[in-house]
Amino acid sequence: MENVDINITIIDREGEKHHIEAPTDMAMNLMEVVRSYELAPEGTIGVCGGMAMCASCQCYVLSDTKLPEMQDDEEAMLSEAFDVKDNSRLGCQIQMTPGMEGLVVELAPES
């Protein structure tokens, strides 16, 4: 299978836009992409390691990208997180797939 990078935009917690290419062939999720590009200070994102057990990777989805349906553990985590909006998702639950091309997210403030 060929390597397909997708273009996504991540707005960091300072409001700066980062247009990045994310690989879709490495089974990475959005939280891991943010970490690999160092768009959030170490220890402030993905604290639980991507298990949907903390909300440190919460982000606001600004594009109309069709995302995977929210699972119960993600919903439960967001129900007790801070700064939650209607478009909140946990970055660790959004896999980088070709369907995520054009995704635009803003990192939620550090709680």
PDB file of N, CA and C in Angstrom:
ATOM      1  N   MET A   1       0.847  -1.198   0.000  1.00  0.00           N
ATOM      2  CA  MET A   1       0.000   0.000   0.000  1.00  0.00           C
ATOM      3  C   MET A   1       0.882   1.247   0.000  1.00  0.00           C
ATOM      4  N   GLU A   2       0.503   2.204  -0.801  1.00  0.00           N
ATOM      5  CA  GLU A   2       1.349   3.400  -0.897  1.00  0.00           C
ATOM      6  C   GLU A   2       1.193   4.285   0.336  1.00  0.00           C
ATOM      7  N   ASN A   3       2.227   5.037   0.606  1.00  0.00           N
ATOM      8  CA  ASN A   3       2.177   5.976   1.722  1.00  0.00           C
ATOM      9  C   ASN A   3       1.338   7.173   1.331  1.00  0.00           C
ATOM     10  N   VAL A   4       0.325   7.450   2.109  1.00  0.00           N
ATOM     11  CA  VAL A   4      -0.515   8.597   1.820  1.00  0.00           C
ATOM     12  C   VAL A   4      -0.459   9.540   3.003  1.00  0.00           C
ATOM     13  N   ASP A   5       0.085  10.711   2.757  1.00  0.00           N
ATOM     14  CA  ASP A   5       0.064  11.735   3.795  1.00  0.00           C
ATOM     15  C   ASP A   5      -1.153  12.610   3.565  1.00  0.00           C
ATOM     16  N   ILE A   6      -1.768  13.026   4.647  1.00  0.00           N
ATOM     17  CA  ILE A   6      -2.911  13.922   4.529  1.00  0.00           C
ATOM     18  C   ILE A   6      -2.525  15.279   5.104  1.00  0.00           C
ATOM     19  N   ASN A   7      -3.179  16.299   4.615  1.00  0.00           N
ATOM     20  CA  ASN A   7      -2.939  17.654   5.105  1.00  0.00           C
ATOM     21  C   ASN A   7      -3.973  17.992   6.152  1.00  0.00           C
ATOM     22  N   ILE A   8      -3.496  18.332   7.334  1.00  0.00           N
ATOM     23  CA  ILE A   8      -4.405  18.753   8.389  1.00  0.00           C
ATOM     24  C   ILE A   8      -3.880  20.052   8.997  1.00  0.00           C
ATOM     25  N   THR A   9      -4.752  20.767   9.663  1.00  0.00           N
ATOM     26  CA  THR A   9      -4.371  22.017  10.316  1.00  0.00           C
ATOM     27  C   THR A   9      -4.647  21.885  11.796  1.00  0.00           C
ATOM     28  N   ILE A  10      -3.649  22.214  12.597  1.00  0.00           N
ATOM     29  CA  ILE A  10      -3.807  22.173  14.050  1.00  0.00           C
ATOM     30  C   ILE A  10      -3.516  23.569  14.590  1.00  0.00           C
ATOM     31  N   ILE A  11      -4.466  24.115  15.322  1.00  0.00           N
ATOM     32  CA  ILE A  11      -4.267  25.414  15.961  1.00  0.00           C
ATOM     33  C   ILE A  11      -3.854  25.136  17.396  1.00  0.00           C
ATOM     34  N   ASP A  12      -2.654  25.584  17.760  1.00  0.00           N
ATOM     35  CA  ASP A  12      -2.149  25.261  19.090  1.00  0.00           C
ATOM     36  C   ASP A  12      -2.795  26.142  20.158  1.00  0.00           C
ATOM     37  N   ARG A  13      -2.393  25.955  21.396  1.00  0.00           N
ATOM     38  CA  ARG A  13      -3.043  26.651  22.508  1.00  0.00           C
ATOM     39  C   ARG A  13      -2.714  28.140  22.550  1.00  0.00           C
ATOM     40  N   GLU A  14      -1.730  28.546  21.735  1.00  0.00           N
ATOM     41  CA  GLU A  14      -1.432  29.984  21.638  1.00  0.00           C
ATOM     42  C   GLU A  14      -2.188  30.606  20.463  1.00  0.00           C
ATOM     43  N   GLY A  15      -2.972  29.786  19.759  1.00  0.00           N
ATOM     44  CA  GLY A  15      -3.737  30.300  18.625  1.00  0.00           C
ATOM     45  C   GLY A  15      -2.969  30.288  17.318  1.00  0.00           C
ATOM     46  N   GLU A  16      -1.785  29.679  17.309  1.00  0.00           N
ATOM     47  CA  GLU A  16      -0.985  29.625  16.086  1.00  0.00           C
ATOM     48  C   GLU A  16      -1.403  28.435  15.234  1.00  0.00           C
ATOM     49  N   LYS A  17      -1.553  28.683  13.915  1.00  0.00           N
ATOM     50  CA  LYS A  17      -1.962  27.623  12.990  1.00  0.00           C
ATOM     51  C   LYS A  17      -0.761  26.863  12.475  1.00  0.00           C
ATOM     52  N   HIS A  18      -0.854  25.554  12.476  1.00  0.00           N
ATOM     53  CA  HIS A  18       0.203  24.706  11.921  1.00  0.00           C
ATOM     54  C   HIS A  18      -0.415  23.834  10.831  1.00  0.00           C
ATOM     55  N   HIS A  19       0.047  24.023   9.599  1.00  0.00           N
ATOM     56  CA  HIS A  19      -0.397  23.173   8.489  1.00  0.00           C
ATOM     57  C   HIS A  19       0.611  22.046   8.395  1.00  0.00           C
ATOM     58  N   ILE A  20       0.167  20.843   8.645  1.00  0.00           N
ATOM     59  CA  ILE A  20       1.116  19.737   8.670  1.00  0.00           C
ATOM     60  C   ILE A  20       0.646  18.574   7.811  1.00  0.00           C
ATOM     61  N   GLU A  21       1.611  17.737   7.460  1.00  0.00           N
ATOM     62  CA  GLU A  21       1.304  16.503   6.742  1.00  0.00           C
ATOM     63  C   GLU A  21       1.369  15.379   7.753  1.00  0.00           C
ATOM     64  N   ALA A  22       0.309  14.623   7.837  1.00  0.00           N
ATOM     65  CA  ALA A  22       0.258  13.504   8.781  1.00  0.00           C
ATOM     66  C   ALA A  22       0.232  12.203   7.993  1.00  0.00           C
ATOM     67  N   PRO A  23       1.064  11.247   8.391  1.00  0.00           N
ATOM     68  CA  PRO A  23       1.074   9.956   7.692  1.00  0.00           C
ATOM     69  C   PRO A  23      -0.169   9.146   8.054  1.00  0.00           C
ATOM     70  N   THR A  24      -0.723   8.468   7.067  1.00  0.00           N
ATOM     71  CA  THR A  24      -1.894   7.622   7.347  1.00  0.00           C
ATOM     72  C   THR A  24      -1.509   6.150   7.424  1.00  0.00           C
ATOM     73  N   ASP A  25      -0.225   5.853   7.247  1.00  0.00           N
ATOM     74  CA  ASP A  25       0.197   4.449   7.200  1.00  0.00           C
ATOM     75  C   ASP A  25       0.902   4.025   8.488  1.00  0.00           C
ATOM     76  N   MET A  26       0.825   4.831   9.532  1.00  0.00           N
ATOM     77  CA  MET A  26       1.538   4.507  10.766  1.00  0.00           C
ATOM     78  C   MET A  26       0.607   4.300  11.948  1.00  0.00           C
ATOM     79  N   ALA A  27      -0.693   4.208  11.673  1.00  0.00           N
ATOM     80  CA  ALA A  27      -1.693   3.993  12.723  1.00  0.00           C
ATOM     81  C   ALA A  27      -1.573   5.036  13.829  1.00  0.00           C
ATOM     82  N   MET A  28      -1.291   6.271  13.434  1.00  0.00           N
ATOM     83  CA  MET A  28      -1.185   7.345  14.424  1.00  0.00           C
ATOM     84  C   MET A  28      -2.551   7.982  14.633  1.00  0.00           C
ATOM     85  N   ASN A  29      -2.743   8.510  15.840  1.00  0.00           N
ATOM     86  CA  ASN A  29      -3.945   9.291  16.077  1.00  0.00           C
ATOM     87  C   ASN A  29      -3.544  10.758  16.193  1.00  0.00           C
ATOM     88  N   LEU A  30      -4.545  11.608  16.276  1.00  0.00           N
ATOM     89  CA  LEU A  30      -4.294  13.044  16.285  1.00  0.00           C
ATOM     90  C   LEU A  30      -3.405  13.466  17.453  1.00  0.00           C
ATOM     91  N   MET A  31      -3.640  12.884  18.626  1.00  0.00           N
ATOM     92  CA  MET A  31      -2.827  13.233  19.794  1.00  0.00           C
ATOM     93  C   MET A  31      -1.354  12.913  19.533  1.00  0.00           C
ATOM     94  N   GLU A  32      -1.079  11.766  18.907  1.00  0.00           N
ATOM     95  CA  GLU A  32       0.311  11.389  18.620  1.00  0.00           C
ATOM     96  C   GLU A  32       0.940  12.321  17.591  1.00  0.00           C
ATOM     97  N   VAL A  33       0.138  12.783  16.641  1.00  0.00           N
ATOM     98  CA  VAL A  33       0.639  13.743  15.650  1.00  0.00           C
ATOM     99  C   VAL A  33       1.025  15.050  16.349  1.00  0.00           C
ATOM    100  N   VAL A  34       0.152  15.519  17.240  1.00  0.00           N
ATOM    101  CA  VAL A  34       0.452  16.748  17.988  1.00  0.00           C
ATOM    102  C   VAL A  34       1.747  16.581  18.770  1.00  0.00           C
ATOM    103  N   ARG A  35       1.919  15.422  19.391  1.00  0.00           N
ATOM    104  CA  ARG A  35       3.147  15.179  20.152  1.00  0.00           C
ATOM    105  C   ARG A  35       4.368  15.092  19.256  1.00  0.00           C
ATOM    106  N   SER A  36       4.244  14.410  18.121  1.00  0.00           N
ATOM    107  CA  SER A  36       5.423  14.239  17.276  1.00  0.00           C
ATOM    108  C   SER A  36       5.860  15.565  16.655  1.00  0.00           C
ATOM    109  N   TYR A  37       4.922  16.471  16.438  1.00  0.00           N
ATOM    110  CA  TYR A  37       5.272  17.797  15.921  1.00  0.00           C
ATOM    111  C   TYR A  37       5.542  18.799  17.053  1.00  0.00           C
ATOM    112  N   GLU A  38       5.449  18.330  18.291  1.00  0.00           N
ATOM    113  CA  GLU A  38       5.683  19.163  19.473  1.00  0.00           C
ATOM    114  C   GLU A  38       4.846  20.442  19.452  1.00  0.00           C
ATOM    115  N   LEU A  39       3.546  20.278  19.195  1.00  0.00           N
ATOM    116  CA  LEU A  39       2.640  21.431  19.139  1.00  0.00           C
ATOM    117  C   LEU A  39       2.039  21.743  20.501  1.00  0.00           C
ATOM    118  N   ALA A  40       2.369  20.940  21.498  1.00  0.00           N
ATOM    119  CA  ALA A  40       1.933  21.199  22.872  1.00  0.00           C
ATOM    120  C   ALA A  40       3.097  20.806  23.763  1.00  0.00           C
ATOM    121  N   PRO A  41       3.310  21.533  24.855  1.00  0.00           N
ATOM    122  CA  PRO A  41       4.432  21.206  25.738  1.00  0.00           C
ATOM    123  C   PRO A  41       4.357  19.770  26.255  1.00  0.00           C
ATOM    124  N   GLU A  42       5.501  19.141  26.349  1.00  0.00           N
ATOM    125  CA  GLU A  42       5.616  17.769  26.863  1.00  0.00           C
ATOM    126  C   GLU A  42       4.858  17.658  28.190  1.00  0.00           C
ATOM    127  N   GLY A  43       4.083  16.592  28.343  1.00  0.00           N
ATOM    128  CA  GLY A  43       3.370  16.381  29.596  1.00  0.00           C
ATOM    129  C   GLY A  43       2.046  17.113  29.693  1.00  0.00           C
ATOM    130  N   THR A  44       1.649  17.827  28.620  1.00  0.00           N
ATOM    131  CA  THR A  44       0.365  18.529  28.675  1.00  0.00           C
ATOM    132  C   THR A  44      -0.640  17.932  27.703  1.00  0.00           C
ATOM    133  N   ILE A  45      -0.220  16.938  26.949  1.00  0.00           N
ATOM    134  CA  ILE A  45      -1.150  16.308  26.006  1.00  0.00           C
ATOM    135  C   ILE A  45      -0.905  14.812  25.988  1.00  0.00           C
ATOM    136  N   GLY A  46      -2.001  14.043  25.961  1.00  0.00           N
ATOM    137  CA  GLY A  46      -1.859  12.590  25.927  1.00  0.00           C
ATOM    138  C   GLY A  46      -1.292  12.027  27.209  1.00  0.00           C
ATOM    139  N   VAL A  47      -1.646  12.636  28.317  1.00  0.00           N
ATOM    140  CA  VAL A  47      -1.100  12.234  29.614  1.00  0.00           C
ATOM    141  C   VAL A  47      -1.393  10.762  29.916  1.00  0.00           C
ATOM    142  N   CYS A  48      -2.570  10.287  29.520  1.00  0.00           N
ATOM    143  CA  CYS A  48      -2.928   8.900  29.831  1.00  0.00           C
ATOM    144  C   CYS A  48      -2.400   7.919  28.793  1.00  0.00           C
ATOM    145  N   GLY A  49      -1.729   8.425  27.767  1.00  0.00           N
ATOM    146  CA  GLY A  49      -1.174   7.540  26.751  1.00  0.00           C
ATOM    147  C   GLY A  49      -2.172   7.145  25.674  1.00  0.00           C
ATOM    148  N   GLY A  50      -3.256   7.872  25.562  1.00  0.00           N
ATOM    149  CA  GLY A  50      -4.207   7.606  24.485  1.00  0.00           C
ATOM    150  C   GLY A  50      -5.276   6.595  24.813  1.00  0.00           C
ATOM    151  N   MET A  51      -5.594   6.467  26.093  1.00  0.00           N
ATOM    152  CA  MET A  51      -6.593   5.489  26.518  1.00  0.00           C
ATOM    153  C   MET A  51      -7.977   6.095  26.751  1.00  0.00           C
ATOM    154  N   ALA A  52      -8.174   7.357  26.356  1.00  0.00           N
ATOM    155  CA  ALA A  52      -9.429   8.078  26.613  1.00  0.00           C
ATOM    156  C   ALA A  52      -9.717   8.140  28.111  1.00  0.00           C
ATOM    157  N   MET A  53      -8.652   8.275  28.917  1.00  0.00           N
ATOM    158  CA  MET A  53      -8.825   8.321  30.369  1.00  0.00           C
ATOM    159  C   MET A  53      -8.447   9.671  30.956  1.00  0.00           C
ATOM    160  N   CYS A  54      -8.066  10.605  30.096  1.00  0.00           N
ATOM    161  CA  CYS A  54      -7.850  11.966  30.561  1.00  0.00           C
ATOM    162  C   CYS A  54      -8.345  12.840  29.418  1.00  0.00           C
ATOM    163  N   ALA A  55      -8.447  14.107  29.625  1.00  0.00           N
ATOM    164  CA  ALA A  55      -8.934  14.953  28.530  1.00  0.00           C
ATOM    165  C   ALA A  55      -7.837  15.894  28.062  1.00  0.00           C
ATOM    166  N   SER A  56      -6.569  15.504  28.291  1.00  0.00           N
ATOM    167  CA  SER A  56      -5.480  16.415  27.941  1.00  0.00           C
ATOM    168  C   SER A  56      -5.320  16.605  26.434  1.00  0.00           C
ATOM    169  N   CYS A  57      -5.904  15.715  25.635  1.00  0.00           N
ATOM    170  CA  CYS A  57      -5.802  15.867  24.182  1.00  0.00           C
ATOM    171  C   CYS A  57      -7.110  16.361  23.575  1.00  0.00           C
ATOM    172  N   GLN A  58      -7.980  16.924  24.405  1.00  0.00           N
ATOM    173  CA  GLN A  58      -9.249  17.429  23.890  1.00  0.00           C
ATOM    174  C   GLN A  58      -8.980  18.490  22.830  1.00  0.00           C
ATOM    175  N   CYS A  59      -9.747  18.429  21.765  1.00  0.00           N
ATOM    176  CA  CYS A  59      -9.631  19.450  20.736  1.00  0.00           C
ATOM    177  C   CYS A  59     -11.016  19.778  20.206  1.00  0.00           C
ATOM    178  N   TYR A  60     -11.081  20.923  19.540  1.00  0.00           N
ATOM    179  CA  TYR A  60     -12.328  21.362  18.919  1.00  0.00           C
ATOM    180  C   TYR A  60     -12.191  21.147  17.423  1.00  0.00           C
ATOM    181  N   VAL A  61     -13.136  20.425  16.850  1.00  0.00           N
ATOM    182  CA  VAL A  61     -13.086  20.140  15.419  1.00  0.00           C
ATOM    183  C   VAL A  61     -13.756  21.295  14.685  1.00  0.00           C
ATOM    184  N   LEU A  62     -12.976  22.001  13.853  1.00  0.00           N
ATOM    185  CA  LEU A  62     -13.476  23.193  13.175  1.00  0.00           C
ATOM    186  C   LEU A  62     -13.876  22.929  11.731  1.00  0.00           C
ATOM    187  N   SER A  63     -13.454  21.792  11.171  1.00  0.00           N
ATOM    188  CA  SER A  63     -13.820  21.459   9.796  1.00  0.00           C
ATOM    189  C   SER A  63     -15.027  20.533   9.826  1.00  0.00           C
ATOM    190  N   ASP A  64     -15.662  20.353   8.675  1.00  0.00           N
ATOM    191  CA  ASP A  64     -16.816  19.446   8.664  1.00  0.00           C
ATOM    192  C   ASP A  64     -16.403  18.039   8.244  1.00  0.00           C
ATOM    193  N   THR A  65     -15.196  17.670   8.617  1.00  0.00           N
ATOM    194  CA  THR A  65     -14.666  16.334   8.353  1.00  0.00           C
ATOM    195  C   THR A  65     -15.536  15.284   9.053  1.00  0.00           C
ATOM    196  N   LYS A  66     -15.841  14.220   8.338  1.00  0.00           N
ATOM    197  CA  LYS A  66     -16.636  13.156   8.958  1.00  0.00           C
ATOM    198  C   LYS A  66     -15.732  12.323   9.856  1.00  0.00           C
ATOM    199  N   LEU A  67     -15.988  12.389  11.142  1.00  0.00           N
ATOM    200  CA  LEU A  67     -15.150  11.696  12.115  1.00  0.00           C
ATOM    201  C   LEU A  67     -15.775  10.364  12.515  1.00  0.00           C
ATOM    202  N   PRO A  68     -14.936   9.451  13.021  1.00  0.00           N
ATOM    203  CA  PRO A  68     -15.508   8.206  13.542  1.00  0.00           C
ATOM    204  C   PRO A  68     -16.471   8.523  14.677  1.00  0.00           C
ATOM    205  N   GLU A  69     -17.473   7.685  14.832  1.00  0.00           N
ATOM    206  CA  GLU A  69     -18.459   7.918  15.882  1.00  0.00           C
ATOM    207  C   GLU A  69     -17.802   7.855  17.258  1.00  0.00           C
ATOM    208  N   MET A  70     -18.296   8.693  18.149  1.00  0.00           N
ATOM    209  CA  MET A  70     -17.726   8.742  19.494  1.00  0.00           C
ATOM    210  C   MET A  70     -18.105   7.486  20.266  1.00  0.00           C
ATOM    211  N   GLN A  71     -17.122   6.870  20.900  1.00  0.00           N
ATOM    212  CA  GLN A  71     -17.375   5.681  21.717  1.00  0.00           C
ATOM    213  C   GLN A  71     -17.734   6.114  23.142  1.00  0.00           C
ATOM    214  N   ASP A  72     -18.275   5.153  23.906  1.00  0.00           N
ATOM    215  CA  ASP A  72     -18.753   5.467  25.250  1.00  0.00           C
ATOM    216  C   ASP A  72     -17.679   6.052  26.159  1.00  0.00           C
ATOM    217  N   ASP A  73     -16.456   5.479  26.100  1.00  0.00           N
ATOM    218  CA  ASP A  73     -15.426   5.968  27.024  1.00  0.00           C
ATOM    219  C   ASP A  73     -15.007   7.403  26.690  1.00  0.00           C
ATOM    220  N   GLU A  74     -15.007   7.741  25.394  1.00  0.00           N
ATOM    221  CA  GLU A  74     -14.681   9.118  25.014  1.00  0.00           C
ATOM    222  C   GLU A  74     -15.786  10.065  25.486  1.00  0.00           C
ATOM    223  N   GLU A  75     -17.030   9.650  25.272  1.00  0.00           N
ATOM    224  CA  GLU A  75     -18.170  10.470  25.696  1.00  0.00           C
ATOM    225  C   GLU A  75     -18.151  10.702  27.205  1.00  0.00           C
ATOM    226  N   ALA A  76     -17.870   9.638  27.951  1.00  0.00           N
ATOM    227  CA  ALA A  76     -17.826   9.729  29.410  1.00  0.00           C
ATOM    228  C   ALA A  76     -16.717  10.676  29.858  1.00  0.00           C
ATOM    229  N   MET A  77     -15.556  10.586  29.214  1.00  0.00           N
ATOM    230  CA  MET A  77     -14.430  11.444  29.574  1.00  0.00           C
ATOM    231  C   MET A  77     -14.764  12.904  29.292  1.00  0.00           C
ATOM    232  N   LEU A  78     -15.353  13.164  28.138  1.00  0.00           N
ATOM    233  CA  LEU A  78     -15.689  14.552  27.791  1.00  0.00           C
ATOM    234  C   LEU A  78     -16.783  15.111  28.695  1.00  0.00           C
ATOM    235  N   SER A  79     -17.624  14.220  29.236  1.00  0.00           N
ATOM    236  CA  SER A  79     -18.708  14.710  30.086  1.00  0.00           C
ATOM    237  C   SER A  79     -18.177  15.295  31.385  1.00  0.00           C
ATOM    238  N   GLU A  80     -16.927  14.940  31.763  1.00  0.00           N
ATOM    239  CA  GLU A  80     -16.384  15.512  32.996  1.00  0.00           C
ATOM    240  C   GLU A  80     -15.156  16.383  32.760  1.00  0.00           C
ATOM    241  N   ALA A  81     -14.864  16.665  31.490  1.00  0.00           N
ATOM    242  CA  ALA A  81     -13.704  17.512  31.175  1.00  0.00           C
ATOM    243  C   ALA A  81     -14.082  18.991  31.271  1.00  0.00           C
ATOM    244  N   PHE A  82     -13.069  19.844  31.288  1.00  0.00           N
ATOM    245  CA  PHE A  82     -13.282  21.289  31.306  1.00  0.00           C
ATOM    246  C   PHE A  82     -13.343  21.829  29.879  1.00  0.00           C
ATOM    247  N   ASP A  83     -13.936  22.997  29.715  1.00  0.00           N
ATOM    248  CA  ASP A  83     -13.940  23.725  28.435  1.00  0.00           C
ATOM    249  C   ASP A  83     -14.516  22.903  27.286  1.00  0.00           C
ATOM    250  N   VAL A  84     -15.453  22.018  27.585  1.00  0.00           N
ATOM    251  CA  VAL A  84     -16.031  21.174  26.542  1.00  0.00           C
ATOM    252  C   VAL A  84     -17.031  21.969  25.712  1.00  0.00           C
ATOM    253  N   LYS A  85     -16.962  21.795  24.409  1.00  0.00           N
ATOM    254  CA  LYS A  85     -17.902  22.426  23.488  1.00  0.00           C
ATOM    255  C   LYS A  85     -18.612  21.339  22.684  1.00  0.00           C
ATOM    256  N   ASP A  86     -19.588  21.748  21.893  1.00  0.00           N
ATOM    257  CA  ASP A  86     -20.322  20.782  21.064  1.00  0.00           C
ATOM    258  C   ASP A  86     -19.413  20.038  20.095  1.00  0.00           C
ATOM    259  N   ASN A  87     -18.320  20.687  19.696  1.00  0.00           N
ATOM    260  CA  ASN A  87     -17.425  20.071  18.710  1.00  0.00           C
ATOM    261  C   ASN A  87     -16.169  19.472  19.343  1.00  0.00           C
ATOM    262  N   SER A  88     -16.223  19.229  20.653  1.00  0.00           N
ATOM    263  CA  SER A  88     -15.075  18.637  21.345  1.00  0.00           C
ATOM    264  C   SER A  88     -14.923  17.160  20.997  1.00  0.00           C
ATOM    265  N   ARG A  89     -13.670  16.754  20.796  1.00  0.00           N
ATOM    266  CA  ARG A  89     -13.326  15.336  20.652  1.00  0.00           C
ATOM    267  C   ARG A  89     -12.001  15.118  21.352  1.00  0.00           C
ATOM    268  N   LEU A  90     -11.698  13.867  21.675  1.00  0.00           N
ATOM    269  CA  LEU A  90     -10.385  13.538  22.208  1.00  0.00           C
ATOM    270  C   LEU A  90      -9.488  13.183  21.030  1.00  0.00           C
ATOM    271  N   GLY A  91      -8.350  13.856  20.945  1.00  0.00           N
ATOM    272  CA  GLY A  91      -7.443  13.628  19.824  1.00  0.00           C
ATOM    273  C   GLY A  91      -6.973  12.196  19.712  1.00  0.00           C
ATOM    274  N   CYS A  92      -6.884  11.500  20.859  1.00  0.00           N
ATOM    275  CA  CYS A  92      -6.394  10.117  20.831  1.00  0.00           C
ATOM    276  C   CYS A  92      -7.399   9.183  20.175  1.00  0.00           C
ATOM    277  N   GLN A  93      -8.614   9.637  19.977  1.00  0.00           N
ATOM    278  CA  GLN A  93      -9.650   8.784  19.389  1.00  0.00           C
ATOM    279  C   GLN A  93      -9.856   9.066  17.897  1.00  0.00           C
ATOM    280  N   ILE A  94      -9.066   9.984  17.345  1.00  0.00           N
ATOM    281  CA  ILE A  94      -9.194  10.320  15.923  1.00  0.00           C
ATOM    282  C   ILE A  94      -7.986   9.758  15.183  1.00  0.00           C
ATOM    283  N   GLN A  95      -8.193   8.651  14.478  1.00  0.00           N
ATOM    284  CA  GLN A  95      -7.112   8.014  13.731  1.00  0.00           C
ATOM    285  C   GLN A  95      -6.824   8.795  12.457  1.00  0.00           C
ATOM    286  N   MET A  96      -5.538   8.857  12.094  1.00  0.00           N
ATOM    287  CA  MET A  96      -5.148   9.514  10.861  1.00  0.00           C
ATOM    288  C   MET A  96      -5.386   8.559   9.694  1.00  0.00           C
ATOM    289  N   THR A  97      -6.467   8.799   8.963  1.00  0.00           N
ATOM    290  CA  THR A  97      -6.819   7.987   7.795  1.00  0.00           C
ATOM    291  C   THR A  97      -6.983   8.940   6.613  1.00  0.00           C
ATOM    292  N   PRO A  98      -6.966   8.423   5.392  1.00  0.00           N
ATOM    293  CA  PRO A  98      -7.149   9.308   4.233  1.00  0.00           C
ATOM    294  C   PRO A  98      -8.426  10.149   4.327  1.00  0.00           C
ATOM    295  N   GLY A  99      -9.433   9.642   5.020  1.00  0.00           N
ATOM    296  CA  GLY A  99     -10.678  10.395   5.172  1.00  0.00           C
ATOM    297  C   GLY A  99     -10.555  11.647   6.030  1.00  0.00           C
ATOM    298  N   MET A 100      -9.432  11.767   6.727  1.00  0.00           N
ATOM    299  CA  MET A 100      -9.231  12.940   7.589  1.00  0.00           C
ATOM    300  C   MET A 100      -8.562  14.097   6.843  1.00  0.00           C
ATOM    301  N   GLU A 101      -8.336  13.932   5.537  1.00  0.00           N
ATOM    302  CA  GLU A 101      -7.758  15.009   4.726  1.00  0.00           C
ATOM    303  C   GLU A 101      -8.524  16.306   4.971  1.00  0.00           C
ATOM    304  N   GLY A 102      -7.796  17.396   5.228  1.00  0.00           N
ATOM    305  CA  GLY A 102      -8.423  18.700   5.414  1.00  0.00           C
ATOM    306  C   GLY A 102      -8.940  18.958   6.817  1.00  0.00           C
ATOM    307  N   LEU A 103      -8.706  18.015   7.719  1.00  0.00           N
ATOM    308  CA  LEU A 103      -9.160  18.183   9.107  1.00  0.00           C
ATOM    309  C   LEU A 103      -8.565  19.449   9.706  1.00  0.00           C
ATOM    310  N   VAL A 104      -9.404  20.214  10.396  1.00  0.00           N
ATOM    311  CA  VAL A 104      -8.924  21.406  11.110  1.00  0.00           C
ATOM    312  C   VAL A 104      -9.377  21.293  12.561  1.00  0.00           C
ATOM    313  N   VAL A 105      -8.419  21.311  13.485  1.00  0.00           N
ATOM    314  CA  VAL A 105      -8.756  21.236  14.909  1.00  0.00           C
ATOM    315  C   VAL A 105      -8.007  22.317  15.681  1.00  0.00           C
ATOM    316  N   GLU A 106      -8.604  22.685  16.784  1.00  0.00           N
ATOM    317  CA  GLU A 106      -7.960  23.609  17.712  1.00  0.00           C
ATOM    318  C   GLU A 106      -7.778  22.888  19.028  1.00  0.00           C
ATOM    319  N   LEU A 107      -6.592  22.948  19.604  1.00  0.00           N
ATOM    320  CA  LEU A 107      -6.357  22.290  20.888  1.00  0.00           C
ATOM    321  C   LEU A 107      -7.111  23.030  21.976  1.00  0.00           C
ATOM    322  N   ALA A 108      -7.810  22.298  22.819  1.00  0.00           N
ATOM    323  CA  ALA A 108      -8.523  22.913  23.936  1.00  0.00           C
ATOM    324  C   ALA A 108      -7.502  23.460  24.937  1.00  0.00           C
ATOM    325  N   PRO A 109      -7.899  24.482  25.705  1.00  0.00           N
ATOM    326  CA  PRO A 109      -6.956  25.011  26.692  1.00  0.00           C
ATOM    327  C   PRO A 109      -6.549  23.933  27.685  1.00  0.00           C
ATOM    328  N   GLU A 110      -5.365  24.068  28.232  1.00  0.00           N
ATOM    329  CA  GLU A 110      -4.905  23.121  29.242  1.00  0.00           C
ATOM    330  C   GLU A 110      -5.764  23.311  30.468  1.00  0.00           C
ATOM    331  N   SER A 111      -6.337  22.215  30.994  1.00  0.00           N
ATOM    332  CA  SER A 111      -7.226  22.407  32.146  1.00  0.00           C
ATOM    333  C   SER A 111      -6.453  22.399  33.443  1.00  0.00           C
TER     334      SER A 111
END
